[in-house]
Amino acid sequence: MDAQQASEALNAWYLRNARPLPWRADGTTAWGVLVSEFMAQQTQVDRVIPHWLEWMERWPTPSALAAAEPGEAVRAWKRLGYPRRALWLHRAAMEIAEQYGDEVPSDVDTLLGLTGIGPYTARAVAAFAFHERHPVVDTNTRRVIARAVHGLAAAGMPAARDLVDMEALLPSDRDSAAVFNAAAMELGAVICTARAPRCDECPISRWCEWRGAGYPDNAPAKKPKQAAFQGSDRQVRGRIMQLLRSTHDPVSHDDALTAAAHGGVADELQPKRALDSLVTDGLVVEYEGALKLP
């Protein structure tokens, strides 16, 4: 692959065709980018958009969120899933407000010191909010690299090599590198999709090794499937969280366990197991013998 020509073609395509996601709009703050990255983890973008808009309207700065009770962050998270992300984002907001003058840091190592921020999120915020030159690799990017660079029908398990591959493709210019990171993700999300890639519309098809090889069925072995959500402890935890989000009043243990069991359970201990895990995770707290959000 000619990395320079491919990156120029992909960036030009992105600038013409990128979806108008609200956090991509001119004037979006680094805080807005950080919130979008927290929300988009393991969550479809279409589901994130209304929550992000509501969140930024209510808490436009880290200090605004930090001033709210943690439970309000969990409540506002609604049904985005993995509600611990709301608690982590609240803690990160407190750290940013108290330690960094209400300004999201631009340095990857500093970002990694904030609650809930791992290597991917740190690089994404540095790249998209500050145009620092870092490779940013998500599931969509990995699929694009697997096909275009390695001639594989799909990506294998995540590996350190993914960042090396992306680094080799990144333009040297910081602004162009930031666009390329976003463009590779966008290409994988809307064109180079897992099940029905639209190769005729791909701006880098001429350099794609998989296309050049005739689209071989050579995908690496898939990882084992995750346990089904239906009937899982996660589903039962969600029922309890839905009940607690629906009221500002404390909820009795019996009501919480009844909500957990509504719709069926895998075993008789599952409701209590789910409730205990929520308490352990800090998503539910004891209050005068009852339960509430933190």
C-alpha atoms as a PDB file:
ATOM      1  CA  MET A   1       0.000   0.000   0.000  1.00  0.00           C
ATOM      2  CA  ASP A   2       1.153   3.542  -0.766  1.00  0.00           C
ATOM      3  CA  ALA A   3       0.486   5.051   2.668  1.00  0.00           C
ATOM      4  CA  GLN A   4       0.708   8.667   1.573  1.00  0.00           C
ATOM      5  CA  GLN A   5      -1.636   8.346  -1.393  1.00  0.00           C
ATOM      6  CA  ALA A   6      -4.079   6.218   0.562  1.00  0.00           C
ATOM      7  CA  SER A   7      -4.149   8.630   3.508  1.00  0.00           C
ATOM      8  CA  GLU A   8      -4.716  11.613   1.220  1.00  0.00           C
ATOM      9  CA  ALA A   9      -7.568   9.834  -0.557  1.00  0.00           C
ATOM     10  CA  LEU A  10      -9.147   8.684   2.685  1.00  0.00           C
ATOM     11  CA  ASN A  11      -8.911  12.113   4.306  1.00  0.00           C
ATOM     12  CA  ALA A  12     -10.461  13.781   1.263  1.00  0.00           C
ATOM     13  CA  TRP A  13     -13.315  11.272   1.318  1.00  0.00           C
ATOM     14  CA  TYR A  14     -13.878  11.848   5.036  1.00  0.00           C
ATOM     15  CA  LEU A  15     -14.007  15.611   4.731  1.00  0.00           C
ATOM     16  CA  ARG A  16     -16.719  15.228   2.082  1.00  0.00           C
ATOM     17  CA  ASN A  17     -18.719  12.401   3.606  1.00  0.00           C
ATOM     18  CA  ALA A  18     -18.271  12.188   7.378  1.00  0.00           C
ATOM     19  CA  ARG A  19     -21.452  11.797   9.381  1.00  0.00           C
ATOM     20  CA  PRO A  20     -22.354  15.062  11.153  1.00  0.00           C
ATOM     21  CA  LEU A  21     -21.940  13.723  14.684  1.00  0.00           C
ATOM     22  CA  PRO A  22     -22.446  16.534  17.201  1.00  0.00           C
ATOM     23  CA  TRP A  23     -19.081  16.085  18.923  1.00  0.00           C
ATOM     24  CA  ARG A  24     -17.378  16.571  15.548  1.00  0.00           C
ATOM     25  CA  ALA A  25     -18.861  20.047  15.159  1.00  0.00           C
ATOM     26  CA  ASP A  26     -16.593  23.083  15.159  1.00  0.00           C
ATOM     27  CA  GLY A  27     -16.297  24.538  18.620  1.00  0.00           C
ATOM     28  CA  THR A  28     -16.730  21.261  20.487  1.00  0.00           C
ATOM     29  CA  THR A  29     -14.609  21.431  23.614  1.00  0.00           C
ATOM     30  CA  ALA A  30     -12.128  18.834  24.779  1.00  0.00           C
ATOM     31  CA  TRP A  31     -14.639  18.026  27.532  1.00  0.00           C
ATOM     32  CA  GLY A  32     -17.263  17.301  24.874  1.00  0.00           C
ATOM     33  CA  VAL A  33     -14.849  14.974  23.100  1.00  0.00           C
ATOM     34  CA  LEU A  34     -14.030  13.204  26.369  1.00  0.00           C
ATOM     35  CA  VAL A  35     -17.729  12.703  27.174  1.00  0.00           C
ATOM     36  CA  SER A  36     -18.337  11.270  23.699  1.00  0.00           C
ATOM     37  CA  GLU A  37     -15.501   8.787  24.125  1.00  0.00           C
ATOM     38  CA  PHE A  38     -16.849   7.593  27.476  1.00  0.00           C
ATOM     39  CA  MET A  39     -20.335   7.174  26.061  1.00  0.00           C
ATOM     40  CA  ALA A  40     -19.323   5.476  22.822  1.00  0.00           C
ATOM     41  CA  GLN A  41     -17.433   2.628  24.477  1.00  0.00           C
ATOM     42  CA  GLN A  42     -19.199  -0.578  23.408  1.00  0.00           C
ATOM     43  CA  THR A  43     -22.246   1.506  22.425  1.00  0.00           C
ATOM     44  CA  GLN A  44     -23.672   2.329  19.005  1.00  0.00           C
ATOM     45  CA  VAL A  45     -23.189   5.933  17.933  1.00  0.00           C
ATOM     46  CA  ASP A  46     -26.891   6.454  17.163  1.00  0.00           C
ATOM     47  CA  ARG A  47     -27.727   5.629  20.767  1.00  0.00           C
ATOM     48  CA  VAL A  48     -25.066   7.982  22.084  1.00  0.00           C
ATOM     49  CA  ILE A  49     -26.141  11.140  20.230  1.00  0.00           C
ATOM     50  CA  PRO A  50     -29.268  12.113  22.265  1.00  0.00           C
ATOM     51  CA  HIS A  51     -27.561  11.290  25.556  1.00  0.00           C
ATOM     52  CA  TRP A  52     -24.494  13.340  24.624  1.00  0.00           C
ATOM     53  CA  LEU A  53     -26.628  16.329  23.648  1.00  0.00           C
ATOM     54  CA  GLU A  54     -28.593  16.199  26.905  1.00  0.00           C
ATOM     55  CA  TRP A  55     -25.436  15.700  28.949  1.00  0.00           C
ATOM     56  CA  MET A  56     -23.593  18.649  27.378  1.00  0.00           C
ATOM     57  CA  GLU A  57     -26.629  20.881  27.819  1.00  0.00           C
ATOM     58  CA  ARG A  58     -26.789  20.017  31.503  1.00  0.00           C
ATOM     59  CA  TRP A  59     -23.064  19.722  32.273  1.00  0.00           C
ATOM     60  CA  PRO A  60     -21.087  21.734  29.690  1.00  0.00           C
ATOM     61  CA  THR A  61     -17.900  21.713  31.766  1.00  0.00           C
ATOM     62  CA  PRO A  62     -16.157  19.251  34.084  1.00  0.00           C
ATOM     63  CA  SER A  63     -16.867  21.484  37.095  1.00  0.00           C
ATOM     64  CA  ALA A  64     -20.581  21.495  36.278  1.00  0.00           C
ATOM     65  CA  LEU A  65     -20.690  17.716  36.460  1.00  0.00           C
ATOM     66  CA  ALA A  66     -18.388  17.620  39.476  1.00  0.00           C
ATOM     67  CA  ALA A  67     -20.855  19.832  41.385  1.00  0.00           C
ATOM     68  CA  ALA A  68     -23.643  17.274  40.891  1.00  0.00           C
ATOM     69  CA  GLU A  69     -24.154  14.174  42.997  1.00  0.00           C
ATOM     70  CA  PRO A  70     -22.655  11.011  41.469  1.00  0.00           C
ATOM     71  CA  GLY A  71     -26.119   9.489  41.454  1.00  0.00           C
ATOM     72  CA  GLU A  72     -27.353  12.222  39.116  1.00  0.00           C
ATOM     73  CA  ALA A  73     -24.690  11.188  36.606  1.00  0.00           C
ATOM     74  CA  VAL A  74     -25.845   7.583  36.864  1.00  0.00           C
ATOM     75  CA  ARG A  75     -29.470   8.677  36.484  1.00  0.00           C
ATOM     76  CA  ALA A  76     -28.650  10.782  33.397  1.00  0.00           C
ATOM     77  CA  TRP A  77     -26.799   7.840  31.888  1.00  0.00           C
ATOM     78  CA  LYS A  78     -30.213   6.216  31.523  1.00  0.00           C
ATOM     79  CA  ARG A  79     -29.926   2.997  29.486  1.00  0.00           C
ATOM     80  CA  LEU A  80     -26.624   3.555  27.723  1.00  0.00           C
ATOM     81  CA  GLY A  81     -25.292   0.438  29.412  1.00  0.00           C
ATOM     82  CA  TYR A  82     -22.269  -0.189  31.630  1.00  0.00           C
ATOM     83  CA  PRO A  83     -23.344   2.535  34.110  1.00  0.00           C
ATOM     84  CA  ARG A  84     -20.000   2.402  35.917  1.00  0.00           C
ATOM     85  CA  ARG A  85     -18.837   4.613  33.066  1.00  0.00           C
ATOM     86  CA  ALA A  86     -21.070   7.369  34.487  1.00  0.00           C
ATOM     87  CA  LEU A  87     -19.421   7.094  37.893  1.00  0.00           C
ATOM     88  CA  TRP A  88     -15.954   7.079  36.344  1.00  0.00           C
ATOM     89  CA  LEU A  89     -16.784  10.119  34.222  1.00  0.00           C
ATOM     90  CA  HIS A  90     -18.044  11.943  37.306  1.00  0.00           C
ATOM     91  CA  ARG A  91     -14.825  11.161  39.169  1.00  0.00           C
ATOM     92  CA  ALA A  92     -12.746  12.224  36.174  1.00  0.00           C
ATOM     93  CA  ALA A  93     -14.702  15.498  36.075  1.00  0.00           C
ATOM     94  CA  MET A  94     -13.868  16.128  39.726  1.00  0.00           C
ATOM     95  CA  GLU A  95     -10.194  15.444  39.070  1.00  0.00           C
ATOM     96  CA  ILE A  96     -10.129  17.759  36.051  1.00  0.00           C
ATOM     97  CA  ALA A  97     -11.921  20.534  37.932  1.00  0.00           C
ATOM     98  CA  GLU A  98      -9.753  20.263  41.037  1.00  0.00           C
ATOM     99  CA  GLN A  99      -6.346  19.419  39.592  1.00  0.00           C
ATOM    100  CA  TYR A 100      -6.318  20.951  36.105  1.00  0.00           C
ATOM    101  CA  GLY A 101      -8.279  24.183  36.410  1.00  0.00           C
ATOM    102  CA  ASP A 102     -11.382  22.720  34.735  1.00  0.00           C
ATOM    103  CA  GLU A 103      -9.408  22.082  31.522  1.00  0.00           C
ATOM    104  CA  VAL A 104      -9.086  18.580  30.050  1.00  0.00           C
ATOM    105  CA  PRO A 105      -5.370  17.738  29.795  1.00  0.00           C
ATOM    106  CA  SER A 106      -3.883  17.222  26.334  1.00  0.00           C
ATOM    107  CA  ASP A 107      -1.032  14.910  27.363  1.00  0.00           C
ATOM    108  CA  VAL A 108      -1.677  11.175  27.027  1.00  0.00           C
ATOM    109  CA  ASP A 109       0.181  10.251  30.218  1.00  0.00           C
ATOM    110  CA  THR A 110      -1.763  12.853  32.200  1.00  0.00           C
ATOM    111  CA  LEU A 111      -5.044  11.664  30.718  1.00  0.00           C
ATOM    112  CA  LEU A 112      -4.174   8.110  31.736  1.00  0.00           C
ATOM    113  CA  GLY A 113      -4.036   9.284  35.341  1.00  0.00           C
ATOM    114  CA  LEU A 114      -7.719  10.233  35.301  1.00  0.00           C
ATOM    115  CA  THR A 115     -10.382   7.811  36.493  1.00  0.00           C
ATOM    116  CA  GLY A 116     -11.861   5.588  33.809  1.00  0.00           C
ATOM    117  CA  ILE A 117      -9.423   6.590  31.059  1.00  0.00           C
ATOM    118  CA  GLY A 118      -7.438   3.815  29.415  1.00  0.00           C
ATOM    119  CA  PRO A 119      -4.910   3.901  26.573  1.00  0.00           C
ATOM    120  CA  TYR A 120      -7.496   4.087  23.786  1.00  0.00           C
ATOM    121  CA  THR A 121      -9.501   6.932  25.329  1.00  0.00           C
ATOM    122  CA  ALA A 122      -6.360   8.881  26.236  1.00  0.00           C
ATOM    123  CA  ARG A 123      -5.042   8.723  22.676  1.00  0.00           C
ATOM    124  CA  ALA A 124      -8.470   9.501  21.211  1.00  0.00           C
ATOM    125  CA  VAL A 125      -8.908  12.637  23.323  1.00  0.00           C
ATOM    126  CA  ALA A 126      -5.351  13.810  22.593  1.00  0.00           C
ATOM    127  CA  ALA A 127      -5.846  13.241  18.862  1.00  0.00           C
ATOM    128  CA  PHE A 128      -9.407  14.477  18.345  1.00  0.00           C
ATOM    129  CA  ALA A 129      -9.516  17.332  20.866  1.00  0.00           C
ATOM    130  CA  PHE A 130      -5.941  18.599  20.569  1.00  0.00           C
ATOM    131  CA  HIS A 131      -4.703  17.192  17.237  1.00  0.00           C
ATOM    132  CA  GLU A 132      -1.771  15.492  18.916  1.00  0.00           C
ATOM    133  CA  ARG A 133      -0.251  12.879  16.618  1.00  0.00           C
ATOM    134  CA  HIS A 134      -1.132   9.495  18.118  1.00  0.00           C
ATOM    135  CA  PRO A 135      -2.454   6.337  16.466  1.00  0.00           C
ATOM    136  CA  VAL A 136      -6.070   5.720  17.523  1.00  0.00           C
ATOM    137  CA  VAL A 137      -7.386   2.241  16.808  1.00  0.00           C
ATOM    138  CA  ASP A 138     -10.905   0.953  17.413  1.00  0.00           C
ATOM    139  CA  THR A 139     -12.725  -2.115  16.087  1.00  0.00           C
ATOM    140  CA  ASN A 140     -13.578  -0.420  12.800  1.00  0.00           C
ATOM    141  CA  THR A 141     -10.017   0.773  12.258  1.00  0.00           C
ATOM    142  CA  ARG A 142      -8.648  -2.696  12.924  1.00  0.00           C
ATOM    143  CA  ARG A 143     -10.920  -4.161  10.247  1.00  0.00           C
ATOM    144  CA  VAL A 144      -9.806  -1.541   7.703  1.00  0.00           C
ATOM    145  CA  ILE A 145      -6.141  -2.269   8.444  1.00  0.00           C
ATOM    146  CA  ALA A 146      -6.682  -6.038   8.318  1.00  0.00           C
ATOM    147  CA  ARG A 147      -8.190  -5.804   4.852  1.00  0.00           C
ATOM    148  CA  ALA A 148      -6.286  -2.944   3.274  1.00  0.00           C
ATOM    149  CA  VAL A 149      -2.819  -3.694   4.667  1.00  0.00           C
ATOM    150  CA  HIS A 150      -2.769  -7.414   5.469  1.00  0.00           C
ATOM    151  CA  GLY A 151      -5.228  -8.780   2.914  1.00  0.00           C
ATOM    152  CA  LEU A 152      -7.373 -10.458   5.556  1.00  0.00           C
ATOM    153  CA  ALA A 153     -11.151 -10.671   5.493  1.00  0.00           C
ATOM    154  CA  ALA A 154     -11.364  -9.638   9.148  1.00  0.00           C
ATOM    155  CA  ALA A 155      -9.153  -8.566  12.017  1.00  0.00           C
ATOM    156  CA  GLY A 156      -7.916 -11.027  14.590  1.00  0.00           C
ATOM    157  CA  MET A 157      -7.719 -10.427  18.306  1.00  0.00           C
ATOM    158  CA  PRO A 158      -6.519  -6.946  19.366  1.00  0.00           C
ATOM    159  CA  ALA A 159      -2.738  -6.775  19.624  1.00  0.00           C
ATOM    160  CA  ALA A 160       0.079  -4.276  20.069  1.00  0.00           C
ATOM    161  CA  ARG A 161       0.746  -4.636  16.345  1.00  0.00           C
ATOM    162  CA  ASP A 162      -2.454  -2.679  15.653  1.00  0.00           C
ATOM    163  CA  LEU A 163      -0.848   0.547  16.885  1.00  0.00           C
ATOM    164  CA  VAL A 164       2.321  -0.156  14.911  1.00  0.00           C
ATOM    165  CA  ASP A 165       0.264  -0.626  11.743  1.00  0.00           C
ATOM    166  CA  MET A 166      -1.688   2.575  12.334  1.00  0.00           C
ATOM    167  CA  GLU A 167       1.449   4.550  13.154  1.00  0.00           C
ATOM    168  CA  ALA A 168       2.920   3.502   9.802  1.00  0.00           C
ATOM    169  CA  LEU A 169      -0.132   4.891   7.985  1.00  0.00           C
ATOM    170  CA  LEU A 170      -0.489   8.189   9.879  1.00  0.00           C
ATOM    171  CA  PRO A 171       0.435  11.347   7.991  1.00  0.00           C
ATOM    172  CA  SER A 172       3.303  13.269   9.574  1.00  0.00           C
ATOM    173  CA  ASP A 173       1.263  16.472   9.832  1.00  0.00           C
ATOM    174  CA  ARG A 174      -0.660  16.637  13.114  1.00  0.00           C
ATOM    175  CA  ASP A 175      -3.912  17.950  11.658  1.00  0.00           C
ATOM    176  CA  SER A 176      -3.870  15.426   8.832  1.00  0.00           C
ATOM    177  CA  ALA A 177      -3.103  12.645  11.315  1.00  0.00           C
ATOM    178  CA  ALA A 178      -6.121  13.594  13.433  1.00  0.00           C
ATOM    179  CA  VAL A 179      -8.358  13.541  10.365  1.00  0.00           C
ATOM    180  CA  PHE A 180      -6.915  10.197   9.270  1.00  0.00           C
ATOM    181  CA  ASN A 181      -7.632   8.608  12.652  1.00  0.00           C
ATOM    182  CA  ALA A 182     -11.267   9.691  12.377  1.00  0.00           C
ATOM    183  CA  ALA A 183     -11.451   8.777   8.689  1.00  0.00           C
ATOM    184  CA  ALA A 184     -10.275   5.202   9.228  1.00  0.00           C
ATOM    185  CA  MET A 185     -12.914   4.716  11.910  1.00  0.00           C
ATOM    186  CA  GLU A 186     -15.589   6.232   9.701  1.00  0.00           C
ATOM    187  CA  LEU A 187     -14.607   4.051   6.753  1.00  0.00           C
ATOM    188  CA  GLY A 188     -14.931   0.915   8.865  1.00  0.00           C
ATOM    189  CA  ALA A 189     -18.246   2.060  10.312  1.00  0.00           C
ATOM    190  CA  VAL A 190     -20.048   2.927   7.069  1.00  0.00           C
ATOM    191  CA  ILE A 191     -18.174   1.415   4.086  1.00  0.00           C
ATOM    192  CA  CYS A 192     -15.738  -1.318   5.138  1.00  0.00           C
ATOM    193  CA  THR A 193     -18.313  -2.998   7.353  1.00  0.00           C
ATOM    194  CA  ALA A 194     -17.990  -6.467   8.806  1.00  0.00           C
ATOM    195  CA  ARG A 195     -20.820  -8.175   6.936  1.00  0.00           C
ATOM    196  CA  ALA A 196     -21.451  -6.192   3.759  1.00  0.00           C
ATOM    197  CA  PRO A 197     -18.468  -4.055   2.721  1.00  0.00           C
ATOM    198  CA  ARG A 198     -19.274  -1.596  -0.062  1.00  0.00           C
ATOM    199  CA  CYS A 199     -15.955  -1.879  -1.850  1.00  0.00           C
ATOM    200  CA  ASP A 200     -17.147  -0.037  -4.944  1.00  0.00           C
ATOM    201  CA  GLU A 201     -17.574   3.080  -2.794  1.00  0.00           C
ATOM    202  CA  CYS A 202     -14.313   2.746  -0.889  1.00  0.00           C
ATOM    203  CA  PRO A 203     -11.859   5.621  -1.457  1.00  0.00           C
ATOM    204  CA  ILE A 204      -8.835   3.368  -0.889  1.00  0.00           C
ATOM    205  CA  SER A 205     -10.002   0.280  -2.774  1.00  0.00           C
ATOM    206  CA  ARG A 206      -7.195   0.601  -5.328  1.00  0.00           C
ATOM    207  CA  TRP A 207      -4.646   0.030  -2.558  1.00  0.00           C
ATOM    208  CA  CYS A 208      -6.596  -2.667  -0.671  1.00  0.00           C
ATOM    209  CA  GLU A 209      -4.681  -5.945  -0.423  1.00  0.00           C
ATOM    210  CA  TRP A 210      -7.820  -7.968   0.322  1.00  0.00           C
ATOM    211  CA  ARG A 211      -9.581  -6.638  -2.767  1.00  0.00           C
ATOM    212  CA  GLY A 212      -6.464  -7.178  -4.860  1.00  0.00           C
ATOM    213  CA  ALA A 213      -6.306 -10.797  -3.732  1.00  0.00           C
ATOM    214  CA  GLY A 214      -9.887 -11.424  -4.839  1.00  0.00           C
ATOM    215  CA  TYR A 215     -11.568 -11.191  -1.420  1.00  0.00           C
ATOM    216  CA  PRO A 216     -10.251 -14.478   0.038  1.00  0.00           C
ATOM    217  CA  ASP A 217     -12.176 -16.065   2.895  1.00  0.00           C
ATOM    218  CA  ASN A 218      -9.177 -15.996   5.205  1.00  0.00           C
ATOM    219  CA  ALA A 219     -10.480 -14.384   8.379  1.00  0.00           C
ATOM    220  CA  PRO A 220      -8.578 -15.291  11.558  1.00  0.00           C
ATOM    221  CA  ALA A 221     -10.295 -17.511  14.090  1.00  0.00           C
ATOM    222  CA  LYS A 222     -13.061 -15.679  15.911  1.00  0.00           C
ATOM    223  CA  LYS A 223     -12.949 -15.115  19.647  1.00  0.00           C
ATOM    224  CA  PRO A 224     -15.444 -17.135  21.720  1.00  0.00           C
ATOM    225  CA  LYS A 225     -18.922 -15.641  21.801  1.00  0.00           C
ATOM    226  CA  GLN A 226     -19.877 -13.711  24.910  1.00  0.00           C
ATOM    227  CA  ALA A 227     -22.628 -15.049  27.097  1.00  0.00           C
ATOM    228  CA  ALA A 228     -26.103 -14.030  25.986  1.00  0.00           C
ATOM    229  CA  PHE A 229     -27.513 -10.889  27.597  1.00  0.00           C
ATOM    230  CA  GLN A 230     -30.959 -12.447  28.061  1.00  0.00           C
ATOM    231  CA  GLY A 231     -31.109 -14.000  31.517  1.00  0.00           C
ATOM    232  CA  SER A 232     -27.650 -12.745  32.485  1.00  0.00           C
ATOM    233  CA  ASP A 233     -26.635 -11.045  35.719  1.00  0.00           C
ATOM    234  CA  ARG A 234     -26.107  -7.903  33.644  1.00  0.00           C
ATOM    235  CA  GLN A 235     -29.755  -7.909  32.593  1.00  0.00           C
ATOM    236  CA  VAL A 236     -30.884  -8.388  36.190  1.00  0.00           C
ATOM    237  CA  ARG A 237     -28.594  -5.558  37.354  1.00  0.00           C
ATOM    238  CA  GLY A 238     -30.194  -3.389  34.689  1.00  0.00           C
ATOM    239  CA  ARG A 239     -33.670  -3.997  36.107  1.00  0.00           C
ATOM    240  CA  ILE A 240     -32.543  -2.773  39.522  1.00  0.00           C
ATOM    241  CA  MET A 241     -30.846   0.278  38.031  1.00  0.00           C
ATOM    242  CA  GLN A 242     -33.967   1.125  36.035  1.00  0.00           C
ATOM    243  CA  LEU A 243     -36.009   1.117  39.241  1.00  0.00           C
ATOM    244  CA  LEU A 244     -33.536   3.350  41.080  1.00  0.00           C
ATOM    245  CA  ARG A 245     -33.279   5.795  38.181  1.00  0.00           C
ATOM    246  CA  SER A 246     -37.056   6.154  38.112  1.00  0.00           C
ATOM    247  CA  THR A 247     -37.243   7.772  41.564  1.00  0.00           C
ATOM    248  CA  HIS A 248     -35.303  10.114  43.832  1.00  0.00           C
ATOM    249  CA  ASP A 249     -36.648   8.294  46.901  1.00  0.00           C
ATOM    250  CA  PRO A 250     -34.833   5.381  48.550  1.00  0.00           C
ATOM    251  CA  VAL A 251     -36.007   1.933  47.475  1.00  0.00           C
ATOM    252  CA  SER A 252     -36.456  -0.998  49.820  1.00  0.00           C
ATOM    253  CA  HIS A 253     -34.389  -4.136  49.427  1.00  0.00           C
ATOM    254  CA  ASP A 254     -37.566  -6.123  48.766  1.00  0.00           C
ATOM    255  CA  ASP A 255     -38.642  -3.798  45.970  1.00  0.00           C
ATOM    256  CA  ALA A 256     -35.176  -3.958  44.427  1.00  0.00           C
ATOM    257  CA  LEU A 257     -35.167  -7.759  44.523  1.00  0.00           C
ATOM    258  CA  THR A 258     -38.696  -7.883  43.096  1.00  0.00           C
ATOM    259  CA  ALA A 259     -37.643  -5.643  40.212  1.00  0.00           C
ATOM    260  CA  ALA A 260     -34.598  -7.840  39.656  1.00  0.00           C
ATOM    261  CA  ALA A 261     -36.733 -10.958  39.362  1.00  0.00           C
ATOM    262  CA  HIS A 262     -39.350  -9.378  37.090  1.00  0.00           C
ATOM    263  CA  GLY A 263     -39.152 -11.150  33.748  1.00  0.00           C
ATOM    264  CA  GLY A 264     -37.477 -14.246  35.115  1.00  0.00           C
ATOM    265  CA  VAL A 265     -34.097 -15.188  36.556  1.00  0.00           C
ATOM    266  CA  ALA A 266     -31.532 -17.887  35.914  1.00  0.00           C
ATOM    267  CA  ASP A 267     -31.526 -19.081  39.536  1.00  0.00           C
ATOM    268  CA  GLU A 268     -33.049 -18.046  42.851  1.00  0.00           C
ATOM    269  CA  LEU A 269     -29.835 -16.380  44.044  1.00  0.00           C
ATOM    270  CA  GLN A 270     -29.441 -14.198  40.960  1.00  0.00           C
ATOM    271  CA  PRO A 271     -31.424 -11.152  42.217  1.00  0.00           C
ATOM    272  CA  LYS A 272     -29.375 -10.888  45.422  1.00  0.00           C
ATOM    273  CA  ARG A 273     -26.152 -11.583  43.540  1.00  0.00           C
ATOM    274  CA  ALA A 274     -26.942  -8.788  41.109  1.00  0.00           C
ATOM    275  CA  LEU A 275     -27.841  -6.355  43.880  1.00  0.00           C
ATOM    276  CA  ASP A 276     -24.726  -7.191  45.887  1.00  0.00           C
ATOM    277  CA  SER A 277     -22.551  -6.597  42.826  1.00  0.00           C
ATOM    278  CA  LEU A 278     -24.129  -3.164  42.265  1.00  0.00           C
ATOM    279  CA  VAL A 279     -23.351  -2.220  45.859  1.00  0.00           C
ATOM    280  CA  THR A 280     -19.795  -3.499  45.489  1.00  0.00           C
ATOM    281  CA  ASP A 281     -19.347  -1.448  42.300  1.00  0.00           C
ATOM    282  CA  GLY A 282     -20.572   1.695  44.063  1.00  0.00           C
ATOM    283  CA  LEU A 283     -23.567   2.098  41.754  1.00  0.00           C
ATOM    284  CA  VAL A 284     -26.016   1.527  44.612  1.00  0.00           C
ATOM    285  CA  VAL A 285     -25.572   2.671  48.222  1.00  0.00           C
ATOM    286  CA  GLU A 286     -27.310   1.822  51.469  1.00  0.00           C
ATOM    287  CA  TYR A 287     -29.348   4.687  52.931  1.00  0.00           C
ATOM    288  CA  GLU A 288     -31.140   4.290  56.240  1.00  0.00           C
ATOM    289  CA  GLY A 289     -31.845   0.640  55.568  1.00  0.00           C
ATOM    290  CA  ALA A 290     -32.914   1.236  51.992  1.00  0.00           C
ATOM    291  CA  LEU A 291     -31.144   1.671  48.630  1.00  0.00           C
ATOM    292  CA  LYS A 292     -30.439   4.671  46.417  1.00  0.00           C
ATOM    293  CA  LEU A 293     -28.091   5.887  43.737  1.00  0.00           C
ATOM    294  CA  PRO A 294     -24.827   7.319  45.111  1.00  0.00           C
END
